[in-house]
Amino acid sequence: KKYTNQRITLIDLAGTVIYDSSID
């Protein structure tokens, strides 16, 4: 995230959001 301005989201196969760079 430190090197990009894009929003990064990690989602598991069940659809649960593990990480979202715009939502803390």
PDBML (XML) file of the C-alpha atoms, coordinates in Angstrom:
<?xml version="1.0" encoding="UTF-8" ?>
<PDBx:datablock datablockName="MODEL"
   xmlns:PDBx="http://pdbml.pdb.org/schema/pdbx-v50.xsd"
   xmlns:xsi="http://www.w3.org/2001/XMLSchema-instance"
   xsi:schemaLocation="http://pdbml.pdb.org/schema/pdbx-v50.xsd pdbx-v50.xsd">
   <PDBx:atom_siteCategory>
      <PDBx:atom_site id="1">
         <PDBx:B_iso_or_equiv>0.00</PDBx:B_iso_or_equiv>
         <PDBx:Cartn_x>0.000</PDBx:Cartn_x>
         <PDBx:Cartn_y>0.000</PDBx:Cartn_y>
         <PDBx:Cartn_z>0.000</PDBx:Cartn_z>
         <PDBx:auth_asym_id>A</PDBx:auth_asym_id>
         <PDBx:auth_atom_id>CA</PDBx:auth_atom_id>
         <PDBx:auth_comp_id>LYS</PDBx:auth_comp_id>
         <PDBx:auth_seq_id>1</PDBx:auth_seq_id>
         <PDBx:group_PDB>ATOM</PDBx:group_PDB>
         <PDBx:label_alt_id xsi:nil="true" />
         <PDBx:label_asym_id>A</PDBx:label_asym_id>
         <PDBx:label_atom_id>CA</PDBx:label_atom_id>
         <PDBx:label_comp_id>LYS</PDBx:label_comp_id>
         <PDBx:label_entity_id>1</PDBx:label_entity_id>
         <PDBx:label_seq_id>1</PDBx:label_seq_id>
         <PDBx:occupancy>1.00</PDBx:occupancy>
         <PDBx:pdbx_PDB_model_num>1</PDBx:pdbx_PDB_model_num>
         <PDBx:type_symbol>C</PDBx:type_symbol>
      </PDBx:atom_site>
      <PDBx:atom_site id="2">
         <PDBx:B_iso_or_equiv>0.00</PDBx:B_iso_or_equiv>
         <PDBx:Cartn_x>2.890</PDBx:Cartn_x>
         <PDBx:Cartn_y>2.313</PDBx:Cartn_y>
         <PDBx:Cartn_z>0.640</PDBx:Cartn_z>
         <PDBx:auth_asym_id>A</PDBx:auth_asym_id>
         <PDBx:auth_atom_id>CA</PDBx:auth_atom_id>
         <PDBx:auth_comp_id>LYS</PDBx:auth_comp_id>
         <PDBx:auth_seq_id>2</PDBx:auth_seq_id>
         <PDBx:group_PDB>ATOM</PDBx:group_PDB>
         <PDBx:label_alt_id xsi:nil="true" />
         <PDBx:label_asym_id>A</PDBx:label_asym_id>
         <PDBx:label_atom_id>CA</PDBx:label_atom_id>
         <PDBx:label_comp_id>LYS</PDBx:label_comp_id>
         <PDBx:label_entity_id>1</PDBx:label_entity_id>
         <PDBx:label_seq_id>2</PDBx:label_seq_id>
         <PDBx:occupancy>1.00</PDBx:occupancy>
         <PDBx:pdbx_PDB_model_num>1</PDBx:pdbx_PDB_model_num>
         <PDBx:type_symbol>C</PDBx:type_symbol>
      </PDBx:atom_site>
      <PDBx:atom_site id="3">
         <PDBx:B_iso_or_equiv>0.00</PDBx:B_iso_or_equiv>
         <PDBx:Cartn_x>3.822</PDBx:Cartn_x>
         <PDBx:Cartn_y>2.129</PDBx:Cartn_y>
         <PDBx:Cartn_z>-3.044</PDBx:Cartn_z>
         <PDBx:auth_asym_id>A</PDBx:auth_asym_id>
         <PDBx:auth_atom_id>CA</PDBx:auth_atom_id>
         <PDBx:auth_comp_id>TYR</PDBx:auth_comp_id>
         <PDBx:auth_seq_id>3</PDBx:auth_seq_id>
         <PDBx:group_PDB>ATOM</PDBx:group_PDB>
         <PDBx:label_alt_id xsi:nil="true" />
         <PDBx:label_asym_id>A</PDBx:label_asym_id>
         <PDBx:label_atom_id>CA</PDBx:label_atom_id>
         <PDBx:label_comp_id>TYR</PDBx:label_comp_id>
         <PDBx:label_entity_id>1</PDBx:label_entity_id>
         <PDBx:label_seq_id>3</PDBx:label_seq_id>
         <PDBx:occupancy>1.00</PDBx:occupancy>
         <PDBx:pdbx_PDB_model_num>1</PDBx:pdbx_PDB_model_num>
         <PDBx:type_symbol>C</PDBx:type_symbol>
      </PDBx:atom_site>
      <PDBx:atom_site id="4">
         <PDBx:B_iso_or_equiv>0.00</PDBx:B_iso_or_equiv>
         <PDBx:Cartn_x>0.424</PDBx:Cartn_x>
         <PDBx:Cartn_y>2.496</PDBx:Cartn_y>
         <PDBx:Cartn_z>-4.693</PDBx:Cartn_z>
         <PDBx:auth_asym_id>A</PDBx:auth_asym_id>
         <PDBx:auth_atom_id>CA</PDBx:auth_atom_id>
         <PDBx:auth_comp_id>THR</PDBx:auth_comp_id>
         <PDBx:auth_seq_id>4</PDBx:auth_seq_id>
         <PDBx:group_PDB>ATOM</PDBx:group_PDB>
         <PDBx:label_alt_id xsi:nil="true" />
         <PDBx:label_asym_id>A</PDBx:label_asym_id>
         <PDBx:label_atom_id>CA</PDBx:label_atom_id>
         <PDBx:label_comp_id>THR</PDBx:label_comp_id>
         <PDBx:label_entity_id>1</PDBx:label_entity_id>
         <PDBx:label_seq_id>4</PDBx:label_seq_id>
         <PDBx:occupancy>1.00</PDBx:occupancy>
         <PDBx:pdbx_PDB_model_num>1</PDBx:pdbx_PDB_model_num>
         <PDBx:type_symbol>C</PDBx:type_symbol>
      </PDBx:atom_site>
      <PDBx:atom_site id="5">
         <PDBx:B_iso_or_equiv>0.00</PDBx:B_iso_or_equiv>
         <PDBx:Cartn_x>-2.553</PDBx:Cartn_x>
         <PDBx:Cartn_y>4.800</PDBx:Cartn_y>
         <PDBx:Cartn_z>-4.448</PDBx:Cartn_z>
         <PDBx:auth_asym_id>A</PDBx:auth_asym_id>
         <PDBx:auth_atom_id>CA</PDBx:auth_atom_id>
         <PDBx:auth_comp_id>ASN</PDBx:auth_comp_id>
         <PDBx:auth_seq_id>5</PDBx:auth_seq_id>
         <PDBx:group_PDB>ATOM</PDBx:group_PDB>
         <PDBx:label_alt_id xsi:nil="true" />
         <PDBx:label_asym_id>A</PDBx:label_asym_id>
         <PDBx:label_atom_id>CA</PDBx:label_atom_id>
         <PDBx:label_comp_id>ASN</PDBx:label_comp_id>
         <PDBx:label_entity_id>1</PDBx:label_entity_id>
         <PDBx:label_seq_id>5</PDBx:label_seq_id>
         <PDBx:occupancy>1.00</PDBx:occupancy>
         <PDBx:pdbx_PDB_model_num>1</PDBx:pdbx_PDB_model_num>
         <PDBx:type_symbol>C</PDBx:type_symbol>
      </PDBx:atom_site>
      <PDBx:atom_site id="6">
         <PDBx:B_iso_or_equiv>0.00</PDBx:B_iso_or_equiv>
         <PDBx:Cartn_x>-5.003</PDBx:Cartn_x>
         <PDBx:Cartn_y>2.105</PDBx:Cartn_y>
         <PDBx:Cartn_z>-5.356</PDBx:Cartn_z>
         <PDBx:auth_asym_id>A</PDBx:auth_asym_id>
         <PDBx:auth_atom_id>CA</PDBx:auth_atom_id>
         <PDBx:auth_comp_id>GLN</PDBx:auth_comp_id>
         <PDBx:auth_seq_id>6</PDBx:auth_seq_id>
         <PDBx:group_PDB>ATOM</PDBx:group_PDB>
         <PDBx:label_alt_id xsi:nil="true" />
         <PDBx:label_asym_id>A</PDBx:label_asym_id>
         <PDBx:label_atom_id>CA</PDBx:label_atom_id>
         <PDBx:label_comp_id>GLN</PDBx:label_comp_id>
         <PDBx:label_entity_id>1</PDBx:label_entity_id>
         <PDBx:label_seq_id>6</PDBx:label_seq_id>
         <PDBx:occupancy>1.00</PDBx:occupancy>
         <PDBx:pdbx_PDB_model_num>1</PDBx:pdbx_PDB_model_num>
         <PDBx:type_symbol>C</PDBx:type_symbol>
      </PDBx:atom_site>
      <PDBx:atom_site id="7">
         <PDBx:B_iso_or_equiv>0.00</PDBx:B_iso_or_equiv>
         <PDBx:Cartn_x>-7.462</PDBx:Cartn_x>
         <PDBx:Cartn_y>0.583</PDBx:Cartn_y>
         <PDBx:Cartn_z>-2.865</PDBx:Cartn_z>
         <PDBx:auth_asym_id>A</PDBx:auth_asym_id>
         <PDBx:auth_atom_id>CA</PDBx:auth_atom_id>
         <PDBx:auth_comp_id>ARG</PDBx:auth_comp_id>
         <PDBx:auth_seq_id>7</PDBx:auth_seq_id>
         <PDBx:group_PDB>ATOM</PDBx:group_PDB>
         <PDBx:label_alt_id xsi:nil="true" />
         <PDBx:label_asym_id>A</PDBx:label_asym_id>
         <PDBx:label_atom_id>CA</PDBx:label_atom_id>
         <PDBx:label_comp_id>ARG</PDBx:label_comp_id>
         <PDBx:label_entity_id>1</PDBx:label_entity_id>
         <PDBx:label_seq_id>7</PDBx:label_seq_id>
         <PDBx:occupancy>1.00</PDBx:occupancy>
         <PDBx:pdbx_PDB_model_num>1</PDBx:pdbx_PDB_model_num>
         <PDBx:type_symbol>C</PDBx:type_symbol>
      </PDBx:atom_site>
      <PDBx:atom_site id="8">
         <PDBx:B_iso_or_equiv>0.00</PDBx:B_iso_or_equiv>
         <PDBx:Cartn_x>-6.332</PDBx:Cartn_x>
         <PDBx:Cartn_y>-2.955</PDBx:Cartn_y>
         <PDBx:Cartn_z>-1.963</PDBx:Cartn_z>
         <PDBx:auth_asym_id>A</PDBx:auth_asym_id>
         <PDBx:auth_atom_id>CA</PDBx:auth_atom_id>
         <PDBx:auth_comp_id>ILE</PDBx:auth_comp_id>
         <PDBx:auth_seq_id>8</PDBx:auth_seq_id>
         <PDBx:group_PDB>ATOM</PDBx:group_PDB>
         <PDBx:label_alt_id xsi:nil="true" />
         <PDBx:label_asym_id>A</PDBx:label_asym_id>
         <PDBx:label_atom_id>CA</PDBx:label_atom_id>
         <PDBx:label_comp_id>ILE</PDBx:label_comp_id>
         <PDBx:label_entity_id>1</PDBx:label_entity_id>
         <PDBx:label_seq_id>8</PDBx:label_seq_id>
         <PDBx:occupancy>1.00</PDBx:occupancy>
         <PDBx:pdbx_PDB_model_num>1</PDBx:pdbx_PDB_model_num>
         <PDBx:type_symbol>C</PDBx:type_symbol>
      </PDBx:atom_site>
      <PDBx:atom_site id="9">
         <PDBx:B_iso_or_equiv>0.00</PDBx:B_iso_or_equiv>
         <PDBx:Cartn_x>-8.753</PDBx:Cartn_x>
         <PDBx:Cartn_y>-5.528</PDBx:Cartn_y>
         <PDBx:Cartn_z>-0.621</PDBx:Cartn_z>
         <PDBx:auth_asym_id>A</PDBx:auth_asym_id>
         <PDBx:auth_atom_id>CA</PDBx:auth_atom_id>
         <PDBx:auth_comp_id>THR</PDBx:auth_comp_id>
         <PDBx:auth_seq_id>9</PDBx:auth_seq_id>
         <PDBx:group_PDB>ATOM</PDBx:group_PDB>
         <PDBx:label_alt_id xsi:nil="true" />
         <PDBx:label_asym_id>A</PDBx:label_asym_id>
         <PDBx:label_atom_id>CA</PDBx:label_atom_id>
         <PDBx:label_comp_id>THR</PDBx:label_comp_id>
         <PDBx:label_entity_id>1</PDBx:label_entity_id>
         <PDBx:label_seq_id>9</PDBx:label_seq_id>
         <PDBx:occupancy>1.00</PDBx:occupancy>
         <PDBx:pdbx_PDB_model_num>1</PDBx:pdbx_PDB_model_num>
         <PDBx:type_symbol>C</PDBx:type_symbol>
      </PDBx:atom_site>
      <PDBx:atom_site id="10">
         <PDBx:B_iso_or_equiv>0.00</PDBx:B_iso_or_equiv>
         <PDBx:Cartn_x>-8.038</PDBx:Cartn_x>
         <PDBx:Cartn_y>-9.158</PDBx:Cartn_y>
         <PDBx:Cartn_z>0.446</PDBx:Cartn_z>
         <PDBx:auth_asym_id>A</PDBx:auth_asym_id>
         <PDBx:auth_atom_id>CA</PDBx:auth_atom_id>
         <PDBx:auth_comp_id>LEU</PDBx:auth_comp_id>
         <PDBx:auth_seq_id>10</PDBx:auth_seq_id>
         <PDBx:group_PDB>ATOM</PDBx:group_PDB>
         <PDBx:label_alt_id xsi:nil="true" />
         <PDBx:label_asym_id>A</PDBx:label_asym_id>
         <PDBx:label_atom_id>CA</PDBx:label_atom_id>
         <PDBx:label_comp_id>LEU</PDBx:label_comp_id>
         <PDBx:label_entity_id>1</PDBx:label_entity_id>
         <PDBx:label_seq_id>10</PDBx:label_seq_id>
         <PDBx:occupancy>1.00</PDBx:occupancy>
         <PDBx:pdbx_PDB_model_num>1</PDBx:pdbx_PDB_model_num>
         <PDBx:type_symbol>C</PDBx:type_symbol>
      </PDBx:atom_site>
      <PDBx:atom_site id="11">
         <PDBx:B_iso_or_equiv>0.00</PDBx:B_iso_or_equiv>
         <PDBx:Cartn_x>-11.021</PDBx:Cartn_x>
         <PDBx:Cartn_y>-11.533</PDBx:Cartn_y>
         <PDBx:Cartn_z>0.360</PDBx:Cartn_z>
         <PDBx:auth_asym_id>A</PDBx:auth_asym_id>
         <PDBx:auth_atom_id>CA</PDBx:auth_atom_id>
         <PDBx:auth_comp_id>ILE</PDBx:auth_comp_id>
         <PDBx:auth_seq_id>11</PDBx:auth_seq_id>
         <PDBx:group_PDB>ATOM</PDBx:group_PDB>
         <PDBx:label_alt_id xsi:nil="true" />
         <PDBx:label_asym_id>A</PDBx:label_asym_id>
         <PDBx:label_atom_id>CA</PDBx:label_atom_id>
         <PDBx:label_comp_id>ILE</PDBx:label_comp_id>
         <PDBx:label_entity_id>1</PDBx:label_entity_id>
         <PDBx:label_seq_id>11</PDBx:label_seq_id>
         <PDBx:occupancy>1.00</PDBx:occupancy>
         <PDBx:pdbx_PDB_model_num>1</PDBx:pdbx_PDB_model_num>
         <PDBx:type_symbol>C</PDBx:type_symbol>
      </PDBx:atom_site>
      <PDBx:atom_site id="12">
         <PDBx:B_iso_or_equiv>0.00</PDBx:B_iso_or_equiv>
         <PDBx:Cartn_x>-11.085</PDBx:Cartn_x>
         <PDBx:Cartn_y>-15.183</PDBx:Cartn_y>
         <PDBx:Cartn_z>1.303</PDBx:Cartn_z>
         <PDBx:auth_asym_id>A</PDBx:auth_asym_id>
         <PDBx:auth_atom_id>CA</PDBx:auth_atom_id>
         <PDBx:auth_comp_id>ASP</PDBx:auth_comp_id>
         <PDBx:auth_seq_id>12</PDBx:auth_seq_id>
         <PDBx:group_PDB>ATOM</PDBx:group_PDB>
         <PDBx:label_alt_id xsi:nil="true" />
         <PDBx:label_asym_id>A</PDBx:label_asym_id>
         <PDBx:label_atom_id>CA</PDBx:label_atom_id>
         <PDBx:label_comp_id>ASP</PDBx:label_comp_id>
         <PDBx:label_entity_id>1</PDBx:label_entity_id>
         <PDBx:label_seq_id>12</PDBx:label_seq_id>
         <PDBx:occupancy>1.00</PDBx:occupancy>
         <PDBx:pdbx_PDB_model_num>1</PDBx:pdbx_PDB_model_num>
         <PDBx:type_symbol>C</PDBx:type_symbol>
      </PDBx:atom_site>
      <PDBx:atom_site id="13">
         <PDBx:B_iso_or_equiv>0.00</PDBx:B_iso_or_equiv>
         <PDBx:Cartn_x>-12.946</PDBx:Cartn_x>
         <PDBx:Cartn_y>-17.783</PDBx:Cartn_y>
         <PDBx:Cartn_z>-0.709</PDBx:Cartn_z>
         <PDBx:auth_asym_id>A</PDBx:auth_asym_id>
         <PDBx:auth_atom_id>CA</PDBx:auth_atom_id>
         <PDBx:auth_comp_id>LEU</PDBx:auth_comp_id>
         <PDBx:auth_seq_id>13</PDBx:auth_seq_id>
         <PDBx:group_PDB>ATOM</PDBx:group_PDB>
         <PDBx:label_alt_id xsi:nil="true" />
         <PDBx:label_asym_id>A</PDBx:label_asym_id>
         <PDBx:label_atom_id>CA</PDBx:label_atom_id>
         <PDBx:label_comp_id>LEU</PDBx:label_comp_id>
         <PDBx:label_entity_id>1</PDBx:label_entity_id>
         <PDBx:label_seq_id>13</PDBx:label_seq_id>
         <PDBx:occupancy>1.00</PDBx:occupancy>
         <PDBx:pdbx_PDB_model_num>1</PDBx:pdbx_PDB_model_num>
         <PDBx:type_symbol>C</PDBx:type_symbol>
      </PDBx:atom_site>
      <PDBx:atom_site id="14">
         <PDBx:B_iso_or_equiv>0.00</PDBx:B_iso_or_equiv>
         <PDBx:Cartn_x>-15.939</PDBx:Cartn_x>
         <PDBx:Cartn_y>-17.522</PDBx:Cartn_y>
         <PDBx:Cartn_z>1.600</PDBx:Cartn_z>
         <PDBx:auth_asym_id>A</PDBx:auth_asym_id>
         <PDBx:auth_atom_id>CA</PDBx:auth_atom_id>
         <PDBx:auth_comp_id>ALA</PDBx:auth_comp_id>
         <PDBx:auth_seq_id>14</PDBx:auth_seq_id>
         <PDBx:group_PDB>ATOM</PDBx:group_PDB>
         <PDBx:label_alt_id xsi:nil="true" />
         <PDBx:label_asym_id>A</PDBx:label_asym_id>
         <PDBx:label_atom_id>CA</PDBx:label_atom_id>
         <PDBx:label_comp_id>ALA</PDBx:label_comp_id>
         <PDBx:label_entity_id>1</PDBx:label_entity_id>
         <PDBx:label_seq_id>14</PDBx:label_seq_id>
         <PDBx:occupancy>1.00</PDBx:occupancy>
         <PDBx:pdbx_PDB_model_num>1</PDBx:pdbx_PDB_model_num>
         <PDBx:type_symbol>C</PDBx:type_symbol>
      </PDBx:atom_site>
      <PDBx:atom_site id="15">
         <PDBx:B_iso_or_equiv>0.00</PDBx:B_iso_or_equiv>
         <PDBx:Cartn_x>-16.330</PDBx:Cartn_x>
         <PDBx:Cartn_y>-13.835</PDBx:Cartn_y>
         <PDBx:Cartn_z>0.672</PDBx:Cartn_z>
         <PDBx:auth_asym_id>A</PDBx:auth_asym_id>
         <PDBx:auth_atom_id>CA</PDBx:auth_atom_id>
         <PDBx:auth_comp_id>GLY</PDBx:auth_comp_id>
         <PDBx:auth_seq_id>15</PDBx:auth_seq_id>
         <PDBx:group_PDB>ATOM</PDBx:group_PDB>
         <PDBx:label_alt_id xsi:nil="true" />
         <PDBx:label_asym_id>A</PDBx:label_asym_id>
         <PDBx:label_atom_id>CA</PDBx:label_atom_id>
         <PDBx:label_comp_id>GLY</PDBx:label_comp_id>
         <PDBx:label_entity_id>1</PDBx:label_entity_id>
         <PDBx:label_seq_id>15</PDBx:label_seq_id>
         <PDBx:occupancy>1.00</PDBx:occupancy>
         <PDBx:pdbx_PDB_model_num>1</PDBx:pdbx_PDB_model_num>
         <PDBx:type_symbol>C</PDBx:type_symbol>
      </PDBx:atom_site>
      <PDBx:atom_site id="16">
         <PDBx:B_iso_or_equiv>0.00</PDBx:B_iso_or_equiv>
         <PDBx:Cartn_x>-15.054</PDBx:Cartn_x>
         <PDBx:Cartn_y>-12.462</PDBx:Cartn_y>
         <PDBx:Cartn_z>3.980</PDBx:Cartn_z>
         <PDBx:auth_asym_id>A</PDBx:auth_asym_id>
         <PDBx:auth_atom_id>CA</PDBx:auth_atom_id>
         <PDBx:auth_comp_id>THR</PDBx:auth_comp_id>
         <PDBx:auth_seq_id>16</PDBx:auth_seq_id>
         <PDBx:group_PDB>ATOM</PDBx:group_PDB>
         <PDBx:label_alt_id xsi:nil="true" />
         <PDBx:label_asym_id>A</PDBx:label_asym_id>
         <PDBx:label_atom_id>CA</PDBx:label_atom_id>
         <PDBx:label_comp_id>THR</PDBx:label_comp_id>
         <PDBx:label_entity_id>1</PDBx:label_entity_id>
         <PDBx:label_seq_id>16</PDBx:label_seq_id>
         <PDBx:occupancy>1.00</PDBx:occupancy>
         <PDBx:pdbx_PDB_model_num>1</PDBx:pdbx_PDB_model_num>
         <PDBx:type_symbol>C</PDBx:type_symbol>
      </PDBx:atom_site>
      <PDBx:atom_site id="17">
         <PDBx:B_iso_or_equiv>0.00</PDBx:B_iso_or_equiv>
         <PDBx:Cartn_x>-12.986</PDBx:Cartn_x>
         <PDBx:Cartn_y>-9.281</PDBx:Cartn_y>
         <PDBx:Cartn_z>3.698</PDBx:Cartn_z>
         <PDBx:auth_asym_id>A</PDBx:auth_asym_id>
         <PDBx:auth_atom_id>CA</PDBx:auth_atom_id>
         <PDBx:auth_comp_id>VAL</PDBx:auth_comp_id>
         <PDBx:auth_seq_id>17</PDBx:auth_seq_id>
         <PDBx:group_PDB>ATOM</PDBx:group_PDB>
         <PDBx:label_alt_id xsi:nil="true" />
         <PDBx:label_asym_id>A</PDBx:label_asym_id>
         <PDBx:label_atom_id>CA</PDBx:label_atom_id>
         <PDBx:label_comp_id>VAL</PDBx:label_comp_id>
         <PDBx:label_entity_id>1</PDBx:label_entity_id>
         <PDBx:label_seq_id>17</PDBx:label_seq_id>
         <PDBx:occupancy>1.00</PDBx:occupancy>
         <PDBx:pdbx_PDB_model_num>1</PDBx:pdbx_PDB_model_num>
         <PDBx:type_symbol>C</PDBx:type_symbol>
      </PDBx:atom_site>
      <PDBx:atom_site id="18">
         <PDBx:B_iso_or_equiv>0.00</PDBx:B_iso_or_equiv>
         <PDBx:Cartn_x>-9.655</PDBx:Cartn_x>
         <PDBx:Cartn_y>-9.977</PDBx:Cartn_y>
         <PDBx:Cartn_z>5.413</PDBx:Cartn_z>
         <PDBx:auth_asym_id>A</PDBx:auth_asym_id>
         <PDBx:auth_atom_id>CA</PDBx:auth_atom_id>
         <PDBx:auth_comp_id>ILE</PDBx:auth_comp_id>
         <PDBx:auth_seq_id>18</PDBx:auth_seq_id>
         <PDBx:group_PDB>ATOM</PDBx:group_PDB>
         <PDBx:label_alt_id xsi:nil="true" />
         <PDBx:label_asym_id>A</PDBx:label_asym_id>
         <PDBx:label_atom_id>CA</PDBx:label_atom_id>
         <PDBx:label_comp_id>ILE</PDBx:label_comp_id>
         <PDBx:label_entity_id>1</PDBx:label_entity_id>
         <PDBx:label_seq_id>18</PDBx:label_seq_id>
         <PDBx:occupancy>1.00</PDBx:occupancy>
         <PDBx:pdbx_PDB_model_num>1</PDBx:pdbx_PDB_model_num>
         <PDBx:type_symbol>C</PDBx:type_symbol>
      </PDBx:atom_site>
      <PDBx:atom_site id="19">
         <PDBx:B_iso_or_equiv>0.00</PDBx:B_iso_or_equiv>
         <PDBx:Cartn_x>-8.168</PDBx:Cartn_x>
         <PDBx:Cartn_y>-6.544</PDBx:Cartn_y>
         <PDBx:Cartn_z>4.647</PDBx:Cartn_z>
         <PDBx:auth_asym_id>A</PDBx:auth_asym_id>
         <PDBx:auth_atom_id>CA</PDBx:auth_atom_id>
         <PDBx:auth_comp_id>TYR</PDBx:auth_comp_id>
         <PDBx:auth_seq_id>19</PDBx:auth_seq_id>
         <PDBx:group_PDB>ATOM</PDBx:group_PDB>
         <PDBx:label_alt_id xsi:nil="true" />
         <PDBx:label_asym_id>A</PDBx:label_asym_id>
         <PDBx:label_atom_id>CA</PDBx:label_atom_id>
         <PDBx:label_comp_id>TYR</PDBx:label_comp_id>
         <PDBx:label_entity_id>1</PDBx:label_entity_id>
         <PDBx:label_seq_id>19</PDBx:label_seq_id>
         <PDBx:occupancy>1.00</PDBx:occupancy>
         <PDBx:pdbx_PDB_model_num>1</PDBx:pdbx_PDB_model_num>
         <PDBx:type_symbol>C</PDBx:type_symbol>
      </PDBx:atom_site>
      <PDBx:atom_site id="20">
         <PDBx:B_iso_or_equiv>0.00</PDBx:B_iso_or_equiv>
         <PDBx:Cartn_x>-9.272</PDBx:Cartn_x>
         <PDBx:Cartn_y>-3.300</PDBx:Cartn_y>
         <PDBx:Cartn_z>2.998</PDBx:Cartn_z>
         <PDBx:auth_asym_id>A</PDBx:auth_asym_id>
         <PDBx:auth_atom_id>CA</PDBx:auth_atom_id>
         <PDBx:auth_comp_id>ASP</PDBx:auth_comp_id>
         <PDBx:auth_seq_id>20</PDBx:auth_seq_id>
         <PDBx:group_PDB>ATOM</PDBx:group_PDB>
         <PDBx:label_alt_id xsi:nil="true" />
         <PDBx:label_asym_id>A</PDBx:label_asym_id>
         <PDBx:label_atom_id>CA</PDBx:label_atom_id>
         <PDBx:label_comp_id>ASP</PDBx:label_comp_id>
         <PDBx:label_entity_id>1</PDBx:label_entity_id>
         <PDBx:label_seq_id>20</PDBx:label_seq_id>
         <PDBx:occupancy>1.00</PDBx:occupancy>
         <PDBx:pdbx_PDB_model_num>1</PDBx:pdbx_PDB_model_num>
         <PDBx:type_symbol>C</PDBx:type_symbol>
      </PDBx:atom_site>
      <PDBx:atom_site id="21">
         <PDBx:B_iso_or_equiv>0.00</PDBx:B_iso_or_equiv>
         <PDBx:Cartn_x>-6.797</PDBx:Cartn_x>
         <PDBx:Cartn_y>-0.424</PDBx:Cartn_y>
         <PDBx:Cartn_z>2.693</PDBx:Cartn_z>
         <PDBx:auth_asym_id>A</PDBx:auth_asym_id>
         <PDBx:auth_atom_id>CA</PDBx:auth_atom_id>
         <PDBx:auth_comp_id>SER</PDBx:auth_comp_id>
         <PDBx:auth_seq_id>21</PDBx:auth_seq_id>
         <PDBx:group_PDB>ATOM</PDBx:group_PDB>
         <PDBx:label_alt_id xsi:nil="true" />
         <PDBx:label_asym_id>A</PDBx:label_asym_id>
         <PDBx:label_atom_id>CA</PDBx:label_atom_id>
         <PDBx:label_comp_id>SER</PDBx:label_comp_id>
         <PDBx:label_entity_id>1</PDBx:label_entity_id>
         <PDBx:label_seq_id>21</PDBx:label_seq_id>
         <PDBx:occupancy>1.00</PDBx:occupancy>
         <PDBx:pdbx_PDB_model_num>1</PDBx:pdbx_PDB_model_num>
         <PDBx:type_symbol>C</PDBx:type_symbol>
      </PDBx:atom_site>
      <PDBx:atom_site id="22">
         <PDBx:B_iso_or_equiv>0.00</PDBx:B_iso_or_equiv>
         <PDBx:Cartn_x>-9.571</PDBx:Cartn_x>
         <PDBx:Cartn_y>2.202</PDBx:Cartn_y>
         <PDBx:Cartn_z>2.689</PDBx:Cartn_z>
         <PDBx:auth_asym_id>A</PDBx:auth_asym_id>
         <PDBx:auth_atom_id>CA</PDBx:auth_atom_id>
         <PDBx:auth_comp_id>SER</PDBx:auth_comp_id>
         <PDBx:auth_seq_id>22</PDBx:auth_seq_id>
         <PDBx:group_PDB>ATOM</PDBx:group_PDB>
         <PDBx:label_alt_id xsi:nil="true" />
         <PDBx:label_asym_id>A</PDBx:label_asym_id>
         <PDBx:label_atom_id>CA</PDBx:label_atom_id>
         <PDBx:label_comp_id>SER</PDBx:label_comp_id>
         <PDBx:label_entity_id>1</PDBx:label_entity_id>
         <PDBx:label_seq_id>22</PDBx:label_seq_id>
         <PDBx:occupancy>1.00</PDBx:occupancy>
         <PDBx:pdbx_PDB_model_num>1</PDBx:pdbx_PDB_model_num>
         <PDBx:type_symbol>C</PDBx:type_symbol>
      </PDBx:atom_site>
      <PDBx:atom_site id="23">
         <PDBx:B_iso_or_equiv>0.00</PDBx:B_iso_or_equiv>
         <PDBx:Cartn_x>-11.587</PDBx:Cartn_x>
         <PDBx:Cartn_y>0.834</PDBx:Cartn_y>
         <PDBx:Cartn_z>5.658</PDBx:Cartn_z>
         <PDBx:auth_asym_id>A</PDBx:auth_asym_id>
         <PDBx:auth_atom_id>CA</PDBx:auth_atom_id>
         <PDBx:auth_comp_id>ILE</PDBx:auth_comp_id>
         <PDBx:auth_seq_id>23</PDBx:auth_seq_id>
         <PDBx:group_PDB>ATOM</PDBx:group_PDB>
         <PDBx:label_alt_id xsi:nil="true" />
         <PDBx:label_asym_id>A</PDBx:label_asym_id>
         <PDBx:label_atom_id>CA</PDBx:label_atom_id>
         <PDBx:label_comp_id>ILE</PDBx:label_comp_id>
         <PDBx:label_entity_id>1</PDBx:label_entity_id>
         <PDBx:label_seq_id>23</PDBx:label_seq_id>
         <PDBx:occupancy>1.00</PDBx:occupancy>
         <PDBx:pdbx_PDB_model_num>1</PDBx:pdbx_PDB_model_num>
         <PDBx:type_symbol>C</PDBx:type_symbol>
      </PDBx:atom_site>
      <PDBx:atom_site id="24">
         <PDBx:B_iso_or_equiv>0.00</PDBx:B_iso_or_equiv>
         <PDBx:Cartn_x>-9.905</PDBx:Cartn_x>
         <PDBx:Cartn_y>0.409</PDBx:Cartn_y>
         <PDBx:Cartn_z>9.056</PDBx:Cartn_z>
         <PDBx:auth_asym_id>A</PDBx:auth_asym_id>
         <PDBx:auth_atom_id>CA</PDBx:auth_atom_id>
         <PDBx:auth_comp_id>ASP</PDBx:auth_comp_id>
         <PDBx:auth_seq_id>24</PDBx:auth_seq_id>
         <PDBx:group_PDB>ATOM</PDBx:group_PDB>
         <PDBx:label_alt_id xsi:nil="true" />
         <PDBx:label_asym_id>A</PDBx:label_asym_id>
         <PDBx:label_atom_id>CA</PDBx:label_atom_id>
         <PDBx:label_comp_id>ASP</PDBx:label_comp_id>
         <PDBx:label_entity_id>1</PDBx:label_entity_id>
         <PDBx:label_seq_id>24</PDBx:label_seq_id>
         <PDBx:occupancy>1.00</PDBx:occupancy>
         <PDBx:pdbx_PDB_model_num>1</PDBx:pdbx_PDB_model_num>
         <PDBx:type_symbol>C</PDBx:type_symbol>
      </PDBx:atom_site>
   </PDBx:atom_siteCategory>
</PDBx:datablock>
